[in-house]
Amino acid sequence: SRLTDVHQFFGMLKTLKLSRREAVRMVGQDYAWLLDNDAVSAMFHHAAAGGMPIMCFVGNRGCIQIHSGPIKSVKPMGPWINVLDETFHLHLRTDHIHEVWAMRKPTKDGHVTSLEAYDANGSMIIQFFGKRHEGEGEREDWRFLAENLPRIPSPTAA
């Protein structure tokens, strides 16, 4: 809860020698909750229908590709969910998504909420935020969407 910037999260993981998914699983429901695997598709459809600008991050060891702005044309085809816009194309294999987490990260501007999709090996496939600028709070429409996507009930202690 002492983070002031979302970029501090990676440094915290290195210090604690945790993988991102280990940290997400350990942090507790105040900061992370498991979503239904269809949450990414649902988010795309809601964002497109409402013209909500999003930020999308896809990376590998060599680079990170970022889209920032609204999406319009969302087309599911078999196991793929596709964004086919004039300036942004994304082809995501939904059958490779093993877990989707919503994560609340503290910042000096209030918390920001991300959606993070992981594969069966625990590697992050893709990450989303509502579009915002440094020094601004999170978009209310994004926060509402992220907090209302279908959740997986968390196990309770007996």
N, C-alpha and C. Protein backbone atom coordinates (compact mmCIF):
# COMPACT_ATOMS: atom_id res chain seq x y z
N SER A 1 0.81 -1.21 0.00
CA SER A 1 0.00 0.00 0.00
C SER A 1 0.85 1.27 0.00
N ARG A 2 2.19 1.14 0.08
CA ARG A 2 3.06 2.31 0.08
C ARG A 2 3.53 2.72 -1.31
N LEU A 3 3.10 2.01 -2.34
CA LEU A 3 3.50 2.39 -3.69
C LEU A 3 2.91 3.76 -4.03
N THR A 4 3.67 4.54 -4.78
CA THR A 4 3.17 5.84 -5.23
C THR A 4 3.11 5.92 -6.75
N ASP A 5 3.58 4.86 -7.43
CA ASP A 5 3.62 4.83 -8.88
C ASP A 5 3.53 3.37 -9.31
N VAL A 6 2.75 3.08 -10.36
CA VAL A 6 2.60 1.68 -10.80
C VAL A 6 3.92 1.07 -11.24
N HIS A 7 4.88 1.89 -11.67
CA HIS A 7 6.16 1.37 -12.12
C HIS A 7 7.04 0.87 -10.98
N GLN A 8 6.69 1.19 -9.74
CA GLN A 8 7.45 0.69 -8.58
C GLN A 8 7.16 -0.79 -8.31
N PHE A 9 6.09 -1.31 -8.87
CA PHE A 9 5.70 -2.69 -8.62
C PHE A 9 6.79 -3.66 -9.06
N PHE A 10 7.39 -3.44 -10.23
CA PHE A 10 8.43 -4.33 -10.73
C PHE A 10 9.62 -4.37 -9.78
N GLY A 11 10.05 -3.21 -9.29
CA GLY A 11 11.16 -3.16 -8.33
C GLY A 11 10.84 -3.90 -7.05
N MET A 12 9.60 -3.79 -6.59
CA MET A 12 9.18 -4.51 -5.39
C MET A 12 9.27 -6.02 -5.62
N LEU A 13 8.87 -6.49 -6.80
CA LEU A 13 8.96 -7.92 -7.11
C LEU A 13 10.42 -8.39 -7.08
N LYS A 14 11.31 -7.60 -7.65
CA LYS A 14 12.74 -7.97 -7.64
C LYS A 14 13.27 -8.03 -6.21
N THR A 15 12.93 -7.04 -5.40
CA THR A 15 13.40 -7.00 -4.01
C THR A 15 12.92 -8.22 -3.24
N LEU A 16 11.66 -8.59 -3.44
CA LEU A 16 11.06 -9.71 -2.71
C LEU A 16 11.32 -11.06 -3.38
N LYS A 17 11.94 -11.05 -4.56
CA LYS A 17 12.23 -12.27 -5.32
C LYS A 17 10.96 -13.08 -5.58
N LEU A 18 9.94 -12.37 -6.05
CA LEU A 18 8.65 -12.99 -6.38
C LEU A 18 8.37 -12.82 -7.87
N SER A 19 7.68 -13.81 -8.44
CA SER A 19 7.15 -13.61 -9.79
C SER A 19 5.92 -12.71 -9.67
N ARG A 20 5.56 -12.12 -10.77
CA ARG A 20 4.39 -11.24 -10.77
C ARG A 20 3.14 -12.02 -10.33
N ARG A 21 2.95 -13.22 -10.88
CA ARG A 21 1.76 -13.99 -10.53
C ARG A 21 1.78 -14.42 -9.06
N GLU A 22 2.95 -14.76 -8.52
CA GLU A 22 3.03 -15.09 -7.08
C GLU A 22 2.57 -13.90 -6.25
N ALA A 23 3.03 -12.72 -6.60
CA ALA A 23 2.64 -11.51 -5.85
C ALA A 23 1.14 -11.26 -5.96
N VAL A 24 0.61 -11.41 -7.15
CA VAL A 24 -0.83 -11.18 -7.36
C VAL A 24 -1.65 -12.14 -6.50
N ARG A 25 -1.22 -13.38 -6.43
CA ARG A 25 -1.95 -14.38 -5.64
C ARG A 25 -1.84 -14.13 -4.14
N MET A 26 -0.73 -13.50 -3.70
CA MET A 26 -0.48 -13.33 -2.27
C MET A 26 -1.05 -12.03 -1.70
N VAL A 27 -1.31 -11.05 -2.52
CA VAL A 27 -1.56 -9.70 -2.04
C VAL A 27 -2.92 -9.53 -1.34
N GLY A 28 -3.86 -10.39 -1.61
CA GLY A 28 -5.16 -10.30 -0.94
C GLY A 28 -6.21 -9.56 -1.76
N GLN A 29 -7.47 -9.79 -1.41
CA GLN A 29 -8.61 -9.30 -2.20
C GLN A 29 -8.75 -7.78 -2.23
N ASP A 30 -8.11 -7.07 -1.31
CA ASP A 30 -8.17 -5.61 -1.38
C ASP A 30 -7.40 -5.09 -2.59
N TYR A 31 -6.41 -5.86 -3.05
CA TYR A 31 -5.57 -5.41 -4.14
C TYR A 31 -5.64 -6.26 -5.40
N ALA A 32 -6.14 -7.48 -5.32
CA ALA A 32 -6.21 -8.34 -6.51
C ALA A 32 -7.33 -9.35 -6.35
N TRP A 33 -8.04 -9.60 -7.44
CA TRP A 33 -9.09 -10.61 -7.41
C TRP A 33 -9.12 -11.32 -8.76
N LEU A 34 -9.41 -12.62 -8.68
CA LEU A 34 -9.43 -13.49 -9.84
C LEU A 34 -10.73 -13.29 -10.61
N LEU A 35 -10.59 -13.14 -11.93
CA LEU A 35 -11.75 -12.95 -12.80
C LEU A 35 -11.98 -14.19 -13.65
N ASP A 36 -13.18 -14.30 -14.17
CA ASP A 36 -13.50 -15.33 -15.15
C ASP A 36 -12.61 -15.12 -16.38
N ASN A 37 -12.20 -16.20 -17.03
CA ASN A 37 -11.33 -16.07 -18.19
C ASN A 37 -11.96 -15.31 -19.35
N ASP A 38 -13.28 -15.18 -19.37
CA ASP A 38 -13.95 -14.39 -20.40
C ASP A 38 -13.92 -12.89 -20.12
N ALA A 39 -13.30 -12.48 -19.01
CA ALA A 39 -13.28 -11.07 -18.63
C ALA A 39 -12.59 -10.19 -19.66
N VAL A 40 -11.55 -10.69 -20.31
CA VAL A 40 -10.85 -9.87 -21.31
C VAL A 40 -11.78 -9.58 -22.49
N SER A 41 -12.46 -10.61 -22.98
CA SER A 41 -13.41 -10.40 -24.09
C SER A 41 -14.52 -9.45 -23.67
N ALA A 42 -15.05 -9.65 -22.47
CA ALA A 42 -16.12 -8.76 -21.98
C ALA A 42 -15.62 -7.33 -21.89
N MET A 43 -14.40 -7.14 -21.40
CA MET A 43 -13.83 -5.79 -21.30
C MET A 43 -13.72 -5.16 -22.68
N PHE A 44 -13.20 -5.91 -23.67
CA PHE A 44 -13.09 -5.38 -25.03
C PHE A 44 -14.44 -4.91 -25.56
N HIS A 45 -15.46 -5.75 -25.40
CA HIS A 45 -16.79 -5.41 -25.93
C HIS A 45 -17.37 -4.18 -25.22
N HIS A 46 -17.24 -4.10 -23.90
CA HIS A 46 -17.75 -2.93 -23.16
C HIS A 46 -16.98 -1.67 -23.53
N ALA A 47 -15.66 -1.77 -23.61
CA ALA A 47 -14.85 -0.59 -23.96
C ALA A 47 -15.19 -0.09 -25.36
N ALA A 48 -15.35 -1.02 -26.31
CA ALA A 48 -15.69 -0.63 -27.68
C ALA A 48 -17.08 0.00 -27.74
N ALA A 49 -18.04 -0.61 -27.06
CA ALA A 49 -19.42 -0.10 -27.10
C ALA A 49 -19.52 1.30 -26.50
N GLY A 50 -18.72 1.57 -25.47
CA GLY A 50 -18.79 2.87 -24.81
C GLY A 50 -17.76 3.88 -25.29
N GLY A 51 -16.91 3.50 -26.25
CA GLY A 51 -15.87 4.40 -26.72
C GLY A 51 -14.83 4.72 -25.66
N MET A 52 -14.67 3.82 -24.70
CA MET A 52 -13.75 4.04 -23.57
C MET A 52 -12.30 3.84 -24.02
N PRO A 53 -11.44 4.84 -23.84
CA PRO A 53 -10.03 4.65 -24.19
C PRO A 53 -9.33 3.76 -23.17
N ILE A 54 -8.56 2.81 -23.68
CA ILE A 54 -7.83 1.88 -22.83
C ILE A 54 -6.35 1.94 -23.17
N MET A 55 -5.55 1.36 -22.30
CA MET A 55 -4.14 1.14 -22.58
C MET A 55 -3.92 -0.36 -22.56
N CYS A 56 -3.24 -0.86 -23.56
CA CYS A 56 -3.00 -2.29 -23.73
C CYS A 56 -1.50 -2.50 -23.87
N PHE A 57 -0.94 -3.39 -23.05
CA PHE A 57 0.50 -3.67 -23.06
C PHE A 57 0.72 -5.14 -23.38
N VAL A 58 1.50 -5.43 -24.43
CA VAL A 58 1.88 -6.79 -24.78
C VAL A 58 3.40 -6.78 -24.93
N GLY A 59 4.07 -7.69 -24.24
CA GLY A 59 5.52 -7.66 -24.29
C GLY A 59 6.16 -9.02 -24.38
N ASN A 60 7.43 -8.98 -24.70
CA ASN A 60 8.29 -10.16 -24.63
C ASN A 60 9.65 -9.68 -24.11
N ARG A 61 10.66 -10.53 -24.14
CA ARG A 61 11.96 -10.11 -23.59
C ARG A 61 12.59 -8.98 -24.39
N GLY A 62 12.16 -8.78 -25.63
CA GLY A 62 12.78 -7.77 -26.48
C GLY A 62 12.11 -6.42 -26.51
N CYS A 63 10.79 -6.39 -26.34
CA CYS A 63 10.10 -5.10 -26.44
C CYS A 63 8.71 -5.19 -25.83
N ILE A 64 8.11 -4.02 -25.67
CA ILE A 64 6.72 -3.92 -25.22
C ILE A 64 5.97 -3.10 -26.24
N GLN A 65 4.84 -3.62 -26.71
CA GLN A 65 3.97 -2.88 -27.63
C GLN A 65 2.83 -2.31 -26.80
N ILE A 66 2.54 -1.03 -27.01
CA ILE A 66 1.51 -0.34 -26.24
C ILE A 66 0.50 0.28 -27.18
N HIS A 67 -0.78 0.06 -26.90
CA HIS A 67 -1.85 0.79 -27.57
C HIS A 67 -2.50 1.67 -26.52
N SER A 68 -2.78 2.90 -26.89
CA SER A 68 -3.43 3.83 -25.98
C SER A 68 -4.51 4.57 -26.74
N GLY A 69 -5.76 4.32 -26.37
CA GLY A 69 -6.88 4.98 -27.03
C GLY A 69 -8.09 4.08 -27.08
N PRO A 70 -9.15 4.56 -27.73
CA PRO A 70 -10.36 3.74 -27.83
C PRO A 70 -10.16 2.59 -28.82
N ILE A 71 -11.00 1.60 -28.70
CA ILE A 71 -11.06 0.51 -29.69
C ILE A 71 -12.48 0.50 -30.24
N LYS A 72 -12.63 0.00 -31.47
CA LYS A 72 -13.95 0.03 -32.10
C LYS A 72 -14.41 -1.34 -32.57
N SER A 73 -13.58 -2.01 -33.35
CA SER A 73 -14.01 -3.23 -34.03
C SER A 73 -13.46 -4.47 -33.32
N VAL A 74 -14.30 -5.09 -32.50
CA VAL A 74 -13.92 -6.30 -31.77
C VAL A 74 -14.61 -7.48 -32.42
N LYS A 75 -13.83 -8.44 -32.91
CA LYS A 75 -14.37 -9.58 -33.66
C LYS A 75 -13.85 -10.90 -33.11
N PRO A 76 -14.71 -11.67 -32.43
CA PRO A 76 -14.28 -13.01 -32.03
C PRO A 76 -14.29 -13.95 -33.24
N MET A 77 -13.28 -14.82 -33.35
CA MET A 77 -13.22 -15.83 -34.41
C MET A 77 -12.58 -17.08 -33.83
N GLY A 78 -13.39 -18.10 -33.57
CA GLY A 78 -12.87 -19.31 -32.96
C GLY A 78 -12.24 -18.96 -31.62
N PRO A 79 -11.00 -19.43 -31.36
CA PRO A 79 -10.37 -19.14 -30.08
C PRO A 79 -9.77 -17.73 -30.00
N TRP A 80 -9.89 -16.95 -31.05
CA TRP A 80 -9.27 -15.62 -31.12
C TRP A 80 -10.28 -14.53 -30.78
N ILE A 81 -9.80 -13.50 -30.07
CA ILE A 81 -10.54 -12.24 -29.96
C ILE A 81 -9.65 -11.23 -30.69
N ASN A 82 -10.23 -10.55 -31.65
CA ASN A 82 -9.47 -9.66 -32.52
C ASN A 82 -9.96 -8.23 -32.39
N VAL A 83 -9.04 -7.30 -32.35
CA VAL A 83 -9.35 -5.89 -32.49
C VAL A 83 -8.83 -5.50 -33.86
N LEU A 84 -9.73 -5.05 -34.72
CA LEU A 84 -9.38 -4.77 -36.11
C LEU A 84 -9.70 -3.31 -36.43
N ASP A 85 -8.99 -2.42 -35.79
CA ASP A 85 -9.18 -0.99 -36.01
C ASP A 85 -8.18 -0.48 -37.04
N GLU A 86 -8.42 0.72 -37.53
CA GLU A 86 -7.57 1.28 -38.57
C GLU A 86 -6.11 1.42 -38.12
N THR A 87 -5.89 1.83 -36.88
CA THR A 87 -4.52 2.07 -36.41
C THR A 87 -4.06 1.08 -35.34
N PHE A 88 -4.87 0.07 -35.05
CA PHE A 88 -4.51 -0.90 -34.01
C PHE A 88 -5.12 -2.25 -34.35
N HIS A 89 -4.27 -3.26 -34.44
CA HIS A 89 -4.70 -4.64 -34.64
C HIS A 89 -4.16 -5.47 -33.49
N LEU A 90 -5.03 -6.31 -32.93
CA LEU A 90 -4.61 -7.23 -31.88
C LEU A 90 -5.31 -8.56 -32.14
N HIS A 91 -4.57 -9.64 -32.02
CA HIS A 91 -5.11 -10.99 -32.19
C HIS A 91 -4.70 -11.79 -30.95
N LEU A 92 -5.65 -12.07 -30.08
CA LEU A 92 -5.38 -12.71 -28.80
C LEU A 92 -6.04 -14.08 -28.75
N ARG A 93 -5.24 -15.12 -28.49
CA ARG A 93 -5.76 -16.48 -28.34
C ARG A 93 -6.34 -16.63 -26.94
N THR A 94 -7.65 -16.59 -26.85
CA THR A 94 -8.30 -16.67 -25.54
C THR A 94 -8.15 -18.05 -24.92
N ASP A 95 -7.95 -19.09 -25.75
CA ASP A 95 -7.77 -20.42 -25.19
C ASP A 95 -6.40 -20.59 -24.53
N HIS A 96 -5.51 -19.62 -24.68
CA HIS A 96 -4.21 -19.65 -24.00
C HIS A 96 -4.24 -18.90 -22.68
N ILE A 97 -5.36 -18.25 -22.40
CA ILE A 97 -5.50 -17.54 -21.12
C ILE A 97 -5.85 -18.56 -20.04
N HIS A 98 -5.00 -18.64 -19.03
CA HIS A 98 -5.21 -19.57 -17.92
C HIS A 98 -5.86 -18.86 -16.73
N GLU A 99 -5.46 -17.61 -16.49
CA GLU A 99 -6.03 -16.81 -15.39
C GLU A 99 -6.10 -15.36 -15.81
N VAL A 100 -7.12 -14.67 -15.31
CA VAL A 100 -7.23 -13.22 -15.47
C VAL A 100 -7.41 -12.63 -14.09
N TRP A 101 -6.60 -11.64 -13.77
CA TRP A 101 -6.67 -10.96 -12.48
C TRP A 101 -6.96 -9.48 -12.69
N ALA A 102 -7.78 -8.93 -11.83
CA ALA A 102 -7.89 -7.48 -11.70
C ALA A 102 -6.99 -7.11 -10.55
N MET A 103 -6.25 -6.04 -10.73
CA MET A 103 -5.29 -5.64 -9.71
C MET A 103 -5.40 -4.16 -9.44
N ARG A 104 -5.49 -3.82 -8.18
CA ARG A 104 -5.60 -2.43 -7.73
C ARG A 104 -4.22 -2.00 -7.21
N LYS A 105 -3.64 -0.98 -7.85
CA LYS A 105 -2.29 -0.53 -7.48
C LYS A 105 -2.36 0.90 -6.94
N PRO A 106 -1.82 1.13 -5.73
CA PRO A 106 -1.82 2.49 -5.18
C PRO A 106 -0.86 3.40 -5.95
N THR A 107 -1.26 4.65 -6.13
CA THR A 107 -0.40 5.68 -6.71
C THR A 107 -0.63 6.97 -5.94
N LYS A 108 0.18 7.96 -6.20
CA LYS A 108 -0.01 9.26 -5.54
C LYS A 108 -1.30 9.93 -6.01
N ASP A 109 -1.88 9.46 -7.11
CA ASP A 109 -3.12 10.02 -7.66
C ASP A 109 -4.34 9.16 -7.33
N GLY A 110 -4.21 8.26 -6.34
CA GLY A 110 -5.27 7.29 -6.05
C GLY A 110 -4.93 5.98 -6.72
N HIS A 111 -5.70 4.95 -6.45
CA HIS A 111 -5.33 3.66 -7.04
C HIS A 111 -5.72 3.60 -8.52
N VAL A 112 -4.99 2.75 -9.25
CA VAL A 112 -5.34 2.45 -10.63
C VAL A 112 -5.55 0.94 -10.72
N THR A 113 -6.44 0.55 -11.60
CA THR A 113 -6.84 -0.85 -11.72
C THR A 113 -6.37 -1.40 -13.06
N SER A 114 -5.71 -2.55 -13.02
CA SER A 114 -5.28 -3.22 -14.25
C SER A 114 -6.00 -4.55 -14.37
N LEU A 115 -6.12 -5.03 -15.61
CA LEU A 115 -6.51 -6.41 -15.89
C LEU A 115 -5.28 -7.08 -16.44
N GLU A 116 -4.96 -8.26 -15.92
CA GLU A 116 -3.76 -8.98 -16.32
C GLU A 116 -4.12 -10.41 -16.66
N ALA A 117 -3.79 -10.84 -17.87
CA ALA A 117 -4.06 -12.21 -18.31
C ALA A 117 -2.76 -12.99 -18.32
N TYR A 118 -2.80 -14.19 -17.75
CA TYR A 118 -1.62 -15.06 -17.62
C TYR A 118 -1.84 -16.37 -18.34
N ASP A 119 -0.75 -16.96 -18.85
CA ASP A 119 -0.83 -18.27 -19.47
C ASP A 119 -0.64 -19.36 -18.41
N ALA A 120 -0.67 -20.61 -18.83
CA ALA A 120 -0.58 -21.74 -17.90
C ALA A 120 0.78 -21.80 -17.20
N ASN A 121 1.81 -21.18 -17.76
CA ASN A 121 3.14 -21.15 -17.13
C ASN A 121 3.30 -20.00 -16.16
N GLY A 122 2.28 -19.17 -16.02
CA GLY A 122 2.36 -18.03 -15.12
C GLY A 122 2.93 -16.78 -15.73
N SER A 123 3.16 -16.78 -17.03
CA SER A 123 3.67 -15.59 -17.71
C SER A 123 2.52 -14.68 -18.11
N MET A 124 2.72 -13.38 -17.94
CA MET A 124 1.68 -12.44 -18.33
C MET A 124 1.63 -12.36 -19.86
N ILE A 125 0.43 -12.52 -20.40
CA ILE A 125 0.20 -12.43 -21.84
C ILE A 125 -0.06 -10.99 -22.23
N ILE A 126 -0.93 -10.33 -21.47
CA ILE A 126 -1.39 -9.00 -21.83
C ILE A 126 -1.89 -8.29 -20.58
N GLN A 127 -1.78 -6.97 -20.59
CA GLN A 127 -2.20 -6.16 -19.44
C GLN A 127 -2.96 -4.94 -19.96
N PHE A 128 -3.99 -4.54 -19.22
CA PHE A 128 -4.83 -3.40 -19.61
C PHE A 128 -5.02 -2.44 -18.46
N PHE A 129 -5.14 -1.17 -18.80
CA PHE A 129 -5.53 -0.09 -17.89
C PHE A 129 -6.53 0.78 -18.61
N GLY A 130 -7.28 1.56 -17.87
CA GLY A 130 -8.01 2.66 -18.49
C GLY A 130 -7.00 3.73 -18.84
N LYS A 131 -7.17 4.36 -19.99
CA LYS A 131 -6.21 5.39 -20.40
C LYS A 131 -6.24 6.56 -19.42
N ARG A 132 -5.07 6.97 -18.99
CA ARG A 132 -4.94 8.12 -18.10
C ARG A 132 -3.58 8.74 -18.31
N HIS A 133 -3.41 9.94 -17.83
CA HIS A 133 -2.14 10.64 -17.89
C HIS A 133 -1.58 10.76 -16.49
N GLU A 134 -0.26 10.80 -16.39
CA GLU A 134 0.40 10.99 -15.10
C GLU A 134 -0.18 12.22 -14.42
N GLY A 135 -0.47 12.08 -13.13
CA GLY A 135 -1.03 13.20 -12.37
C GLY A 135 -2.55 13.23 -12.37
N GLU A 136 -3.18 12.33 -13.12
CA GLU A 136 -4.64 12.24 -13.16
C GLU A 136 -5.10 11.00 -12.42
N GLY A 137 -6.29 11.06 -11.88
CA GLY A 137 -6.90 9.89 -11.27
C GLY A 137 -7.38 8.92 -12.34
N GLU A 138 -7.73 7.74 -11.90
CA GLU A 138 -8.24 6.72 -12.81
C GLU A 138 -9.62 7.11 -13.33
N ARG A 139 -9.90 6.75 -14.56
CA ARG A 139 -11.22 6.99 -15.16
C ARG A 139 -12.28 6.21 -14.37
N GLU A 140 -13.35 6.87 -14.02
CA GLU A 140 -14.42 6.21 -13.27
C GLU A 140 -15.08 5.09 -14.08
N ASP A 141 -15.25 5.30 -15.40
CA ASP A 141 -15.89 4.26 -16.22
C ASP A 141 -15.01 3.01 -16.29
N TRP A 142 -13.69 3.18 -16.36
CA TRP A 142 -12.79 2.03 -16.36
C TRP A 142 -12.85 1.30 -15.02
N ARG A 143 -12.78 2.06 -13.95
CA ARG A 143 -12.82 1.44 -12.62
C ARG A 143 -14.11 0.64 -12.44
N PHE A 144 -15.23 1.23 -12.83
CA PHE A 144 -16.52 0.54 -12.72
C PHE A 144 -16.50 -0.75 -13.53
N LEU A 145 -16.01 -0.67 -14.77
CA LEU A 145 -15.95 -1.86 -15.62
C LEU A 145 -15.07 -2.94 -14.98
N ALA A 146 -13.87 -2.58 -14.57
CA ALA A 146 -12.93 -3.56 -14.00
C ALA A 146 -13.49 -4.20 -12.73
N GLU A 147 -14.16 -3.42 -11.91
CA GLU A 147 -14.69 -3.94 -10.65
C GLU A 147 -15.96 -4.76 -10.83
N ASN A 148 -16.56 -4.71 -12.02
CA ASN A 148 -17.81 -5.43 -12.24
C ASN A 148 -17.72 -6.53 -13.28
N LEU A 149 -16.51 -6.87 -13.71
CA LEU A 149 -16.35 -8.03 -14.58
C LEU A 149 -16.58 -9.29 -13.77
N PRO A 150 -17.00 -10.40 -14.43
CA PRO A 150 -17.32 -11.62 -13.68
C PRO A 150 -16.11 -12.17 -12.92
N ARG A 151 -16.31 -12.37 -11.62
CA ARG A 151 -15.24 -12.85 -10.73
C ARG A 151 -15.34 -14.36 -10.51
N ILE A 152 -14.21 -14.93 -10.15
CA ILE A 152 -14.15 -16.30 -9.67
C ILE A 152 -14.22 -16.20 -8.15
N PRO A 153 -15.15 -16.88 -7.51
CA PRO A 153 -15.21 -16.79 -6.04
C PRO A 153 -13.90 -17.25 -5.41
N SER A 154 -13.45 -16.50 -4.42
CA SER A 154 -12.20 -16.87 -3.74
C SER A 154 -12.49 -17.95 -2.72
N PRO A 155 -11.53 -18.85 -2.52
CA PRO A 155 -11.73 -19.89 -1.50
C PRO A 155 -11.76 -19.25 -0.12
N THR A 156 -12.58 -19.82 0.74
CA THR A 156 -12.67 -19.31 2.11
C THR A 156 -12.15 -20.37 3.06
N ALA A 157 -11.56 -19.91 4.15
CA ALA A 157 -11.04 -20.84 5.16
C ALA A 157 -12.19 -21.48 5.91
N ALA A 158 -12.01 -22.71 6.30
CA ALA A 158 -13.06 -23.42 7.04
C ALA A 158 -13.01 -23.08 8.50
